[in-house]
């Protein structure tokens, strides 16, 4: 006679979990993870340090500006004076000042001062153009 097979022992095949997460535990973990993500995203200026090969690289950005050639080169390389090689008219200089006023780290009084100078330079060019046009008109009328 054959012996009847015993039913498989289900409890022996499945391992009990080492730590059972409750709904509250899961919510707490999700909340902590969200807080950490938010803290990382909201904290300005936290960046990883540059790799060691670039920490002591001098790219010349801190070089002092002592003449018009150095000044023009700096403004052109930082794209504050566009197009490259354009004559230094009051309009072009005012445009460069508007670019400077948008730089990060400037205080509001500094931004207002730079923008004020830029607007005055724009007006200076308008007045100079009007004066030149007036002179040309007078010369043409004299003939």
Protein backbone atom coordinates (compact mmCIF):
# COMPACT_ATOMS: atom_id res chain seq x y z
CA UNK A 1 0.00 0.00 0.00
CA UNK A 2 1.15 3.39 -0.77
CA UNK A 3 1.34 6.03 1.80
CA UNK A 4 -0.68 9.19 1.19
CA UNK A 5 1.38 12.27 0.41
CA UNK A 6 1.39 14.85 3.08
CA UNK A 7 0.46 18.37 2.07
CA UNK A 8 3.45 20.66 1.52
CA UNK A 9 4.46 22.75 4.47
CA UNK A 10 3.85 26.30 3.21
CA UNK A 11 5.21 27.89 6.34
CA UNK A 12 8.54 26.11 5.92
CA UNK A 13 9.00 27.32 2.33
CA UNK A 14 8.33 31.03 2.91
CA UNK A 15 10.68 33.05 5.02
CA UNK A 16 9.14 35.51 7.36
CA UNK A 17 10.23 39.08 6.57
CA UNK A 18 12.99 40.35 8.79
CA UNK A 19 11.25 43.71 9.23
CA UNK A 20 7.63 44.33 8.45
CA UNK A 21 6.94 47.85 7.17
CA UNK A 22 3.70 49.29 8.28
CA UNK A 23 1.87 51.98 6.37
CA UNK A 24 3.06 54.56 8.89
CA UNK A 25 6.69 53.43 8.49
CA UNK A 26 6.46 53.66 4.70
CA UNK A 27 4.86 57.14 4.88
CA UNK A 28 7.55 58.27 7.30
CA UNK A 29 10.33 57.07 4.96
CA UNK A 30 8.74 58.77 1.96
CA UNK A 31 8.33 61.99 3.92
CA UNK A 32 11.98 61.96 5.03
CA UNK A 33 13.17 61.28 1.47
CA UNK A 34 11.04 64.14 0.15
CA UNK A 35 12.43 66.47 2.83
CA UNK A 36 16.01 65.58 1.90
CA UNK A 37 15.31 66.09 -1.83
CA UNK A 38 13.65 69.45 -1.15
CA UNK A 39 16.53 70.57 1.08
CA UNK A 40 19.06 69.69 -1.62
CA UNK A 41 17.10 71.49 -4.35
CA UNK A 42 16.32 74.58 -2.26
CA UNK A 43 19.84 75.16 -0.95
CA UNK A 44 21.63 77.56 -3.33
CA UNK A 45 25.33 77.35 -3.87
CA UNK A 46 25.86 73.80 -2.71
CA UNK A 47 28.00 72.34 -5.41
CA UNK A 48 30.62 69.69 -5.42
CA UNK A 49 34.17 71.03 -5.47
CA UNK A 50 35.92 71.00 -8.82
CA UNK A 51 38.19 68.07 -9.59
CA UNK A 52 41.76 68.49 -8.33
CA UNK A 53 43.14 69.03 -11.83
CA UNK A 54 41.16 72.27 -12.21
CA UNK A 55 41.39 73.69 -8.70
CA UNK A 56 44.50 75.75 -9.39
CA UNK A 57 43.94 76.55 -13.06
CA UNK A 58 44.33 80.26 -13.81
CA UNK A 59 42.21 81.15 -16.82
CA UNK A 60 43.09 84.84 -16.61
CA UNK A 61 39.63 86.01 -15.54
CA UNK A 62 41.09 87.76 -12.50
CA UNK A 63 43.68 89.59 -14.58
CA UNK A 64 43.54 93.35 -13.91
CA UNK A 65 42.25 95.60 -16.72
CA UNK A 66 44.73 98.44 -17.26
CA UNK A 67 44.03 99.68 -20.79
CA UNK A 68 41.38 99.84 -23.49
CA UNK A 69 42.74 96.78 -25.32
CA UNK A 70 42.46 94.59 -22.20
CA UNK A 71 39.01 96.03 -21.49
CA UNK A 72 37.74 95.27 -24.98
CA UNK A 73 39.24 91.76 -24.91
CA UNK A 74 37.57 91.02 -21.57
CA UNK A 75 34.16 92.31 -22.70
CA UNK A 76 34.33 90.38 -25.97
CA UNK A 77 35.40 87.10 -24.35
CA UNK A 78 32.61 87.31 -21.77
CA UNK A 79 30.12 88.16 -24.55
CA UNK A 80 29.18 91.44 -22.92
CA UNK A 81 30.34 93.37 -25.97
CA UNK A 82 28.76 91.94 -29.10
CA UNK A 83 29.48 91.86 -32.04
CA UNK A 84 33.18 91.21 -31.77
CA UNK A 85 35.21 94.05 -33.28
CA UNK A 86 32.35 96.58 -33.29
CA UNK A 87 33.34 100.22 -32.77
CA UNK A 88 33.01 101.53 -29.20
CA UNK A 89 29.96 103.72 -29.72
CA UNK A 90 27.83 104.94 -26.81
CA UNK A 91 25.11 102.49 -27.92
CA UNK A 92 27.49 99.50 -27.83
CA UNK A 93 28.89 100.58 -24.46
CA UNK A 94 25.37 101.03 -23.07
CA UNK A 95 24.50 97.53 -24.28
CA UNK A 96 27.56 96.18 -22.45
CA UNK A 97 26.44 98.01 -19.30
CA UNK A 98 22.99 96.44 -19.55
CA UNK A 99 24.72 93.04 -19.77
CA UNK A 100 26.77 93.89 -16.67
CA UNK A 101 23.62 94.87 -14.77
CA UNK A 102 22.27 91.33 -15.28
CA UNK A 103 25.29 89.64 -13.66
CA UNK A 104 24.69 87.53 -10.58
CA UNK A 105 25.86 88.85 -7.25
CA UNK A 106 25.23 92.55 -7.86
CA UNK A 107 23.31 94.43 -5.20
CA UNK A 108 20.19 96.35 -6.19
CA UNK A 109 21.88 99.77 -5.78
CA UNK A 110 24.70 98.62 -8.07
CA UNK A 111 22.23 97.33 -10.67
CA UNK A 112 20.31 100.61 -10.59
CA UNK A 113 23.52 102.64 -10.92
CA UNK A 114 24.82 100.61 -13.87
CA UNK A 115 21.46 100.74 -15.66
CA UNK A 116 21.24 104.50 -15.05
CA UNK A 117 24.63 105.04 -16.68
CA UNK A 118 23.57 102.83 -19.59
CA UNK A 119 20.40 104.84 -20.19
CA UNK A 120 22.37 108.10 -19.99
CA UNK A 121 24.85 106.75 -22.57
CA UNK A 122 21.94 105.83 -24.86
CA UNK A 123 20.64 109.38 -24.56
CA UNK A 124 24.13 110.77 -25.15
CA UNK A 125 24.27 108.91 -28.46
CA UNK A 126 20.82 110.19 -29.45
CA UNK A 127 21.83 113.76 -28.69
CA UNK A 128 25.15 113.36 -30.54
CA UNK A 129 23.37 111.93 -33.58
CA UNK A 130 20.86 114.78 -33.53
CA UNK A 131 23.69 117.33 -33.30
CA UNK A 132 25.50 115.73 -36.24
CA UNK A 133 22.32 115.68 -38.31
CA UNK A 134 21.73 119.35 -37.45
CA UNK A 135 25.27 120.26 -38.54
CA UNK A 136 24.87 118.37 -41.83
CA UNK A 137 21.53 120.07 -42.48
CA UNK A 138 23.04 123.51 -41.81
CA UNK A 139 25.98 122.77 -44.14
CA UNK A 140 23.62 121.58 -46.88
CA UNK A 141 21.41 124.67 -46.45
CA UNK A 142 24.42 127.00 -46.80
CA UNK A 143 25.20 125.73 -50.32
